[in-house]
PDB file of all heavy atoms in Angstrom:
ATOM      1  N   ARG A   1       0.834  -1.229   0.008  1.00  0.00           N
ATOM      2  CA  ARG A   1      -0.003  -0.013  -0.013  1.00  0.00           C
ATOM      3  C   ARG A   1       0.867   1.234   0.004  1.00  0.00           C
ATOM      4  O   ARG A   1       0.591   2.237  -0.688  1.00  0.00           O
ATOM      5  CB  ARG A   1      -0.947  -0.016   1.208  1.00  0.00           C
ATOM      6  CG  ARG A   1      -2.046  -1.033   1.140  1.00  0.00           C
ATOM      7  CD  ARG A   1      -2.739  -1.240   2.472  1.00  0.00           C
ATOM      8  NE  ARG A   1      -3.051  -0.002   3.114  1.00  0.00           N
ATOM      9  CZ  ARG A   1      -4.091   0.784   2.817  1.00  0.00           C
ATOM     10  NH1 ARG A   1      -4.927   0.391   1.833  1.00  0.00           N
ATOM     11  NH2 ARG A   1      -4.352   1.896   3.437  1.00  0.00           N
ATOM     12  N   THR A   2       1.956   1.229   0.768  1.00  0.00           N
ATOM     13  CA  THR A   2       2.871   2.362   0.798  1.00  0.00           C
ATOM     14  C   THR A   2       3.525   2.515  -0.571  1.00  0.00           C
ATOM     15  O   THR A   2       3.774   3.638  -1.045  1.00  0.00           O
ATOM     16  CB  THR A   2       3.953   2.182   1.888  1.00  0.00           C
ATOM     17  OG1 THR A   2       3.315   2.022   3.147  1.00  0.00           O
ATOM     18  CG2 THR A   2       4.891   3.345   1.934  1.00  0.00           C
ATOM     19  N   CYS A   3       3.832   1.391  -1.218  1.00  0.00           N
ATOM     20  CA  CYS A   3       4.409   1.431  -2.579  1.00  0.00           C
ATOM     21  C   CYS A   3       3.458   2.133  -3.545  1.00  0.00           C
ATOM     22  O   CYS A   3       3.904   2.934  -4.375  1.00  0.00           O
ATOM     23  CB  CYS A   3       4.683   0.019  -3.050  1.00  0.00           C
ATOM     24  SG  CYS A   3       5.360  -0.108  -4.707  1.00  0.00           S
ATOM     25  N   ILE A   4       2.164   1.878  -3.403  1.00  0.00           N
ATOM     26  CA  ILE A   4       1.185   2.567  -4.265  1.00  0.00           C
ATOM     27  C   ILE A   4       1.241   4.078  -4.018  1.00  0.00           C
ATOM     28  O   ILE A   4       1.225   4.881  -4.960  1.00  0.00           O
ATOM     29  CB  ILE A   4      -0.223   2.035  -3.996  1.00  0.00           C
ATOM     30  CG1 ILE A   4      -0.352   0.603  -4.501  1.00  0.00           C
ATOM     31  CG2 ILE A   4      -1.285   2.886  -4.686  1.00  0.00           C
ATOM     32  CD1 ILE A   4      -1.689  -0.038  -4.131  1.00  0.00           C
ATOM     33  N   ALA A   5       1.282   4.477  -2.748  1.00  0.00           N
ATOM     34  CA  ALA A   5       1.344   5.904  -2.396  1.00  0.00           C
ATOM     35  C   ALA A   5       2.587   6.597  -2.976  1.00  0.00           C
ATOM     36  O   ALA A   5       2.544   7.715  -3.459  1.00  0.00           O
ATOM     37  CB  ALA A   5       1.258   6.078  -0.916  1.00  0.00           C
ATOM     38  N   ILE A   6       3.701   5.869  -2.901  1.00  0.00           N
ATOM     39  CA  ILE A   6       4.952   6.431  -3.407  1.00  0.00           C
ATOM     40  C   ILE A   6       4.892   6.493  -4.951  1.00  0.00           C
ATOM     41  O   ILE A   6       5.316   7.503  -5.550  1.00  0.00           O
ATOM     42  CB  ILE A   6       6.171   5.584  -2.967  1.00  0.00           C
ATOM     43  CG1 ILE A   6       6.362   5.693  -1.458  1.00  0.00           C
ATOM     44  CG2 ILE A   6       7.436   5.975  -3.701  1.00  0.00           C
ATOM     45  CD1 ILE A   6       7.461   4.784  -0.911  1.00  0.00           C
ATOM     46  N   ALA A   7       4.404   5.436  -5.550  1.00  0.00           N
ATOM     47  CA  ALA A   7       4.279   5.434  -7.023  1.00  0.00           C
ATOM     48  C   ALA A   7       3.442   6.615  -7.491  1.00  0.00           C
ATOM     49  O   ALA A   7       3.750   7.286  -8.461  1.00  0.00           O
ATOM     50  CB  ALA A   7       3.647   4.104  -7.502  1.00  0.00           C
ATOM     51  N   ARG A   8       2.331   6.893  -6.803  1.00  0.00           N
ATOM     52  CA  ARG A   8       1.461   7.982  -7.128  1.00  0.00           C
ATOM     53  C   ARG A   8       2.165   9.297  -6.970  1.00  0.00           C
ATOM     54  O   ARG A   8       2.051  10.226  -7.779  1.00  0.00           O
ATOM     55  CB  ARG A   8       0.192   7.914  -6.301  1.00  0.00           C
ATOM     56  CG  ARG A   8      -0.859   8.988  -6.675  1.00  0.00           C
ATOM     57  CD  ARG A   8      -2.103   8.805  -5.860  1.00  0.00           C
ATOM     58  NE  ARG A   8      -1.826   8.845  -4.447  1.00  0.00           N
ATOM     59  CZ  ARG A   8      -2.581   8.283  -3.527  1.00  0.00           C
ATOM     60  NH1 ARG A   8      -3.686   7.653  -3.857  1.00  0.00           N
ATOM     61  NH2 ARG A   8      -2.268   8.366  -2.254  1.00  0.00           N
ATOM     62  N   ALA A   9       2.927   9.419  -5.879  1.00  0.00           N
ATOM     63  CA  ALA A   9       3.622  10.664  -5.597  1.00  0.00           C
ATOM     64  C   ALA A   9       4.725  10.952  -6.624  1.00  0.00           C
ATOM     65  O   ALA A   9       4.961  12.134  -7.000  1.00  0.00           O
ATOM     66  CB  ALA A   9       4.251  10.616  -4.189  1.00  0.00           C
ATOM     67  N   LEU A  10       5.350   9.933  -7.120  1.00  0.00           N
ATOM     68  CA  LEU A  10       6.500  10.131  -8.041  1.00  0.00           C
ATOM     69  C   LEU A  10       6.058  10.306  -9.479  1.00  0.00           C
ATOM     70  O   LEU A  10       6.846  10.773 -10.339  1.00  0.00           O
ATOM     71  CB  LEU A  10       7.480   8.976  -7.955  1.00  0.00           C
ATOM     72  CG  LEU A  10       8.175   8.808  -6.585  1.00  0.00           C
ATOM     73  CD1 LEU A  10       9.152   7.604  -6.638  1.00  0.00           C
ATOM     74  CD2 LEU A  10       8.931  10.056  -6.212  1.00  0.00           C
ATOM     75  N   GLN A  11       4.849   9.884  -9.803  1.00  0.00           N
ATOM     76  CA  GLN A  11       4.337  10.045 -11.166  1.00  0.00           C
ATOM     77  C   GLN A  11       3.988  11.547 -11.410  1.00  0.00           C
ATOM     78  O   GLN A  11       3.300  12.132 -10.591  1.00  0.00           O
ATOM     79  CB  GLN A  11       3.093   9.183 -11.392  1.00  0.00           C
ATOM     80  CG  GLN A  11       3.434   7.716 -11.442  1.00  0.00           C
ATOM     81  CD  GLN A  11       4.239   7.344 -12.672  1.00  0.00           C
ATOM     82  OE1 GLN A  11       3.762   7.328 -13.775  1.00  0.00           O
ATOM     83  NE2 GLN A  11       5.513   7.064 -12.418  1.00  0.00           N
ATOM     84  N   SER A  12       4.455  12.087 -12.491  1.00  0.00           N
ATOM     85  CA  SER A  12       4.196  13.470 -12.821  1.00  0.00           C
ATOM     86  C   SER A  12       4.271  13.680 -14.287  1.00  0.00           C
ATOM     87  O   SER A  12       5.193  13.196 -14.931  1.00  0.00           O
ATOM     88  CB  SER A  12       5.137  14.411 -12.089  1.00  0.00           C
ATOM     89  OG  SER A  12       4.904  15.741 -12.437  1.00  0.00           O
ATOM     90  N   GLN A  13       3.332  14.364 -14.854  1.00  0.00           N
ATOM     91  CA  GLN A  13       3.293  14.652 -16.257  1.00  0.00           C
ATOM     92  C   GLN A  13       4.083  15.920 -16.571  1.00  0.00           C
ATOM     93  O   GLN A  13       4.328  16.209 -17.762  1.00  0.00           O
ATOM     94  CB  GLN A  13       1.856  14.829 -16.752  1.00  0.00           C
ATOM     95  CG  GLN A  13       0.938  13.645 -16.432  1.00  0.00           C
ATOM     96  CD  GLN A  13       1.374  12.398 -17.207  1.00  0.00           C
ATOM     97  OE1 GLN A  13       1.959  12.471 -18.268  1.00  0.00           O
ATOM     98  NE2 GLN A  13       1.108  11.211 -16.631  1.00  0.00           N
ATOM     99  N   ASP A  14       4.470  16.706 -15.562  1.00  0.00           N
ATOM    100  CA  ASP A  14       5.069  17.975 -15.845  1.00  0.00           C
ATOM    101  C   ASP A  14       6.432  18.136 -15.187  1.00  0.00           C
ATOM    102  O   ASP A  14       7.450  18.188 -15.872  1.00  0.00           O
ATOM    103  CB  ASP A  14       4.131  19.145 -15.414  1.00  0.00           C
ATOM    104  CG  ASP A  14       3.534  18.900 -14.016  1.00  0.00           C
ATOM    105  OD1 ASP A  14       3.951  17.975 -13.335  1.00  0.00           O
ATOM    106  OD2 ASP A  14       2.643  19.668 -13.658  1.00  0.00           O
ATOM    107  N   VAL A  15       6.448  18.230 -13.848  1.00  0.00           N
ATOM    108  CA  VAL A  15       7.706  18.550 -13.103  1.00  0.00           C
ATOM    109  C   VAL A  15       8.265  17.235 -12.489  1.00  0.00           C
ATOM    110  O   VAL A  15       7.545  16.583 -11.734  1.00  0.00           O
ATOM    111  CB  VAL A  15       7.435  19.581 -12.009  1.00  0.00           C
ATOM    112  CG1 VAL A  15       8.745  19.926 -11.312  1.00  0.00           C
ATOM    113  CG2 VAL A  15       6.840  20.820 -12.622  1.00  0.00           C
ATOM    114  N   PRO A  16       9.494  16.893 -12.753  1.00  0.00           N
ATOM    115  CA  PRO A  16      10.068  15.673 -12.129  1.00  0.00           C
ATOM    116  C   PRO A  16      10.226  15.855 -10.647  1.00  0.00           C
ATOM    117  O   PRO A  16      10.442  16.922 -10.111  1.00  0.00           O
ATOM    118  CB  PRO A  16      11.395  15.512 -12.837  1.00  0.00           C
ATOM    119  CG  PRO A  16      11.763  16.875 -13.287  1.00  0.00           C
ATOM    120  CD  PRO A  16      10.470  17.521 -13.645  1.00  0.00           C
ATOM    121  N   ALA A  17      10.076  14.711  -9.903  1.00  0.00           N
ATOM    122  CA  ALA A  17      10.269  14.721  -8.454  1.00  0.00           C
ATOM    123  C   ALA A  17      11.732  14.955  -8.122  1.00  0.00           C
ATOM    124  O   ALA A  17      12.613  14.358  -8.756  1.00  0.00           O
ATOM    125  CB  ALA A  17       9.763  13.416  -7.853  1.00  0.00           C
ATOM    126  N   LYS A  18      11.995  15.747  -7.099  1.00  0.00           N
ATOM    127  CA  LYS A  18      13.352  15.977  -6.619  1.00  0.00           C
ATOM    128  C   LYS A  18      13.531  15.511  -5.190  1.00  0.00           C
ATOM    129  O   LYS A  18      14.613  15.054  -4.812  1.00  0.00           O
ATOM    130  CB  LYS A  18      13.672  17.472  -6.733  1.00  0.00           C
ATOM    131  CG  LYS A  18      13.698  17.976  -8.160  1.00  0.00           C
ATOM    132  CD  LYS A  18      14.037  19.473  -8.204  1.00  0.00           C
ATOM    133  CE  LYS A  18      14.006  20.010  -9.628  1.00  0.00           C
ATOM    134  NZ  LYS A  18      14.257  21.486  -9.648  1.00  0.00           N
ATOM    135  N   VAL A  19      12.510  15.672  -4.352  1.00  0.00           N
ATOM    136  CA  VAL A  19      12.575  15.310  -2.962  1.00  0.00           C
ATOM    137  C   VAL A  19      11.329  14.573  -2.585  1.00  0.00           C
ATOM    138  O   VAL A  19      10.186  15.074  -2.780  1.00  0.00           O
ATOM    139  CB  VAL A  19      12.754  16.543  -2.020  1.00  0.00           C
ATOM    140  CG1 VAL A  19      12.807  16.080  -0.559  1.00  0.00           C
ATOM    141  CG2 VAL A  19      13.993  17.345  -2.427  1.00  0.00           C
ATOM    142  N   LEU A  20      11.461  13.386  -2.002  1.00  0.00           N
ATOM    143  CA  LEU A  20      10.322  12.586  -1.552  1.00  0.00           C
ATOM    144  C   LEU A  20      10.321  12.696  -0.006  1.00  0.00           C
ATOM    145  O   LEU A  20      11.285  12.325   0.648  1.00  0.00           O
ATOM    146  CB  LEU A  20      10.465  11.130  -1.975  1.00  0.00           C
ATOM    147  CG  LEU A  20       9.383  10.161  -1.471  1.00  0.00           C
ATOM    148  CD1 LEU A  20       8.010  10.536  -2.054  1.00  0.00           C
ATOM    149  CD2 LEU A  20       9.731   8.739  -1.874  1.00  0.00           C
ATOM    150  N   ILE A  21       9.157  13.130   0.524  1.00  0.00           N
ATOM    151  CA  ILE A  21       9.013  13.323   1.959  1.00  0.00           C
ATOM    152  C   ILE A  21       8.020  12.317   2.517  1.00  0.00           C
ATOM    153  O   ILE A  21       6.853  12.264   2.107  1.00  0.00           O
ATOM    154  CB  ILE A  21       8.527  14.773   2.279  1.00  0.00           C
ATOM    155  CG1 ILE A  21       9.574  15.777   1.707  1.00  0.00           C
ATOM    156  CG2 ILE A  21       8.381  14.970   3.777  1.00  0.00           C
ATOM    157  CD1 ILE A  21       9.083  17.212   1.740  1.00  0.00           C
ATOM    158  N   LEU A  22       8.506  11.466   3.393  1.00  0.00           N
ATOM    159  CA  LEU A  22       7.732  10.312   3.902  1.00  0.00           C
ATOM    160  C   LEU A  22       7.486  10.496   5.394  1.00  0.00           C
ATOM    161  O   LEU A  22       8.413  10.568   6.192  1.00  0.00           O
ATOM    162  CB  LEU A  22       8.493   9.027   3.672  1.00  0.00           C
ATOM    163  CG  LEU A  22       8.873   8.700   2.228  1.00  0.00           C
ATOM    164  CD1 LEU A  22      10.094   7.841   2.182  1.00  0.00           C
ATOM    165  CD2 LEU A  22       7.690   7.999   1.553  1.00  0.00           C
ATOM    166  N   ASP A  23       6.198  10.514   5.765  1.00  0.00           N
ATOM    167  CA  ASP A  23       5.870  10.738   7.197  1.00  0.00           C
ATOM    168  C   ASP A  23       5.503   9.413   7.863  1.00  0.00           C
ATOM    169  O   ASP A  23       4.427   8.873   7.693  1.00  0.00           O
ATOM    170  CB  ASP A  23       4.662  11.704   7.285  1.00  0.00           C
ATOM    171  CG  ASP A  23       4.427  12.191   8.732  1.00  0.00           C
ATOM    172  OD1 ASP A  23       5.203  11.824   9.607  1.00  0.00           O
ATOM    173  OD2 ASP A  23       3.483  12.982   8.907  1.00  0.00           O
ATOM    174  N   GLU A  24       6.470   8.845   8.578  1.00  0.00           N
ATOM    175  CA  GLU A  24       6.310   7.616   9.313  1.00  0.00           C
ATOM    176  C   GLU A  24       5.767   6.473   8.471  1.00  0.00           C
ATOM    177  O   GLU A  24       4.785   5.839   8.821  1.00  0.00           O
ATOM    178  CB  GLU A  24       5.433   7.810  10.576  1.00  0.00           C
ATOM    179  CG  GLU A  24       6.039   8.790  11.542  1.00  0.00           C
ATOM    180  CD  GLU A  24       5.389   8.765  12.911  1.00  0.00           C
ATOM    181  OE1 GLU A  24       5.239   7.686  13.433  1.00  0.00           O
ATOM    182  OE2 GLU A  24       5.000   9.846  13.413  1.00  0.00           O
ATOM    183  N   PRO A  25       6.434   6.152   7.345  1.00  0.00           N
ATOM    184  CA  PRO A  25       5.861   5.143   6.460  1.00  0.00           C
ATOM    185  C   PRO A  25       5.977   3.724   6.991  1.00  0.00           C
ATOM    186  O   PRO A  25       5.274   2.826   6.526  1.00  0.00           O
ATOM    187  CB  PRO A  25       6.747   5.309   5.187  1.00  0.00           C
ATOM    188  CG  PRO A  25       8.058   5.825   5.711  1.00  0.00           C
ATOM    189  CD  PRO A  25       7.675   6.754   6.834  1.00  0.00           C
ATOM    190  N   THR A  26       6.846   3.498   7.993  1.00  0.00           N
ATOM    191  CA  THR A  26       7.063   2.145   8.464  1.00  0.00           C
ATOM    192  C   THR A  26       6.279   1.807   9.748  1.00  0.00           C
ATOM    193  O   THR A  26       6.446   0.738  10.330  1.00  0.00           O
ATOM    194  CB  THR A  26       8.551   1.866   8.752  1.00  0.00           C
ATOM    195  OG1 THR A  26       9.030   2.806   9.719  1.00  0.00           O
ATOM    196  CG2 THR A  26       9.365   2.031   7.473  1.00  0.00           C
ATOM    197  N   SER A  27       5.428   2.770  10.182  1.00  0.00           N
ATOM    198  CA  SER A  27       4.790   2.610  11.490  1.00  0.00           C
ATOM    199  C   SER A  27       3.901   1.348  11.541  1.00  0.00           C
ATOM    200  O   SER A  27       3.703   0.745  12.631  1.00  0.00           O
ATOM    201  CB  SER A  27       3.930   3.839  11.806  1.00  0.00           C
ATOM    202  OG  SER A  27       2.970   4.058  10.810  1.00  0.00           O
ATOM    203  N   ALA A  28       3.345   0.897  10.399  1.00  0.00           N
ATOM    204  CA  ALA A  28       2.435  -0.248  10.399  1.00  0.00           C
ATOM    205  C   ALA A  28       3.074  -1.450   9.731  1.00  0.00           C
ATOM    206  O   ALA A  28       2.401  -2.435   9.427  1.00  0.00           O
ATOM    207  CB  ALA A  28       1.148   0.113   9.686  1.00  0.00           C
ATOM    208  N   MET A  29       4.393  -1.431   9.476  1.00  0.00           N
ATOM    209  CA  MET A  29       5.028  -2.516   8.743  1.00  0.00           C
ATOM    210  C   MET A  29       5.749  -3.502   9.678  1.00  0.00           C
ATOM    211  O   MET A  29       6.458  -3.058  10.604  1.00  0.00           O
ATOM    212  CB  MET A  29       6.065  -1.984   7.768  1.00  0.00           C
ATOM    213  CG  MET A  29       5.511  -1.256   6.612  1.00  0.00           C
ATOM    214  SD  MET A  29       6.878  -0.812   5.481  1.00  0.00           S
ATOM    215  CE  MET A  29       6.101   0.440   4.485  1.00  0.00           C
ATOM    216  N   PRO A  30       5.618  -4.795   9.450  1.00  0.00           N
ATOM    217  CA  PRO A  30       6.471  -5.750  10.211  1.00  0.00           C
ATOM    218  C   PRO A  30       7.900  -5.673   9.653  1.00  0.00           C
ATOM    219  O   PRO A  30       8.194  -5.081   8.629  1.00  0.00           O
ATOM    220  CB  PRO A  30       5.860  -7.116   9.833  1.00  0.00           C
ATOM    221  CG  PRO A  30       5.147  -6.888   8.549  1.00  0.00           C
ATOM    222  CD  PRO A  30       4.639  -5.440   8.556  1.00  0.00           C
ATOM    223  N   ALA A  31       8.828  -6.174  10.455  1.00  0.00           N
ATOM    224  CA  ALA A  31      10.259  -6.028  10.175  1.00  0.00           C
ATOM    225  C   ALA A  31      10.617  -6.569   8.786  1.00  0.00           C
ATOM    226  O   ALA A  31      11.443  -5.945   8.087  1.00  0.00           O
ATOM    227  CB  ALA A  31      11.069  -6.745  11.243  1.00  0.00           C
TER     228      ALA A  31
END
């Protein structure tokens, strides 16, 4: 699910992504 959110964030038709900001993405993930 986090992968989907990142994929959506990085997809852009105009300006390429330069900085990805992730707010506690591992809080619900097992090791």
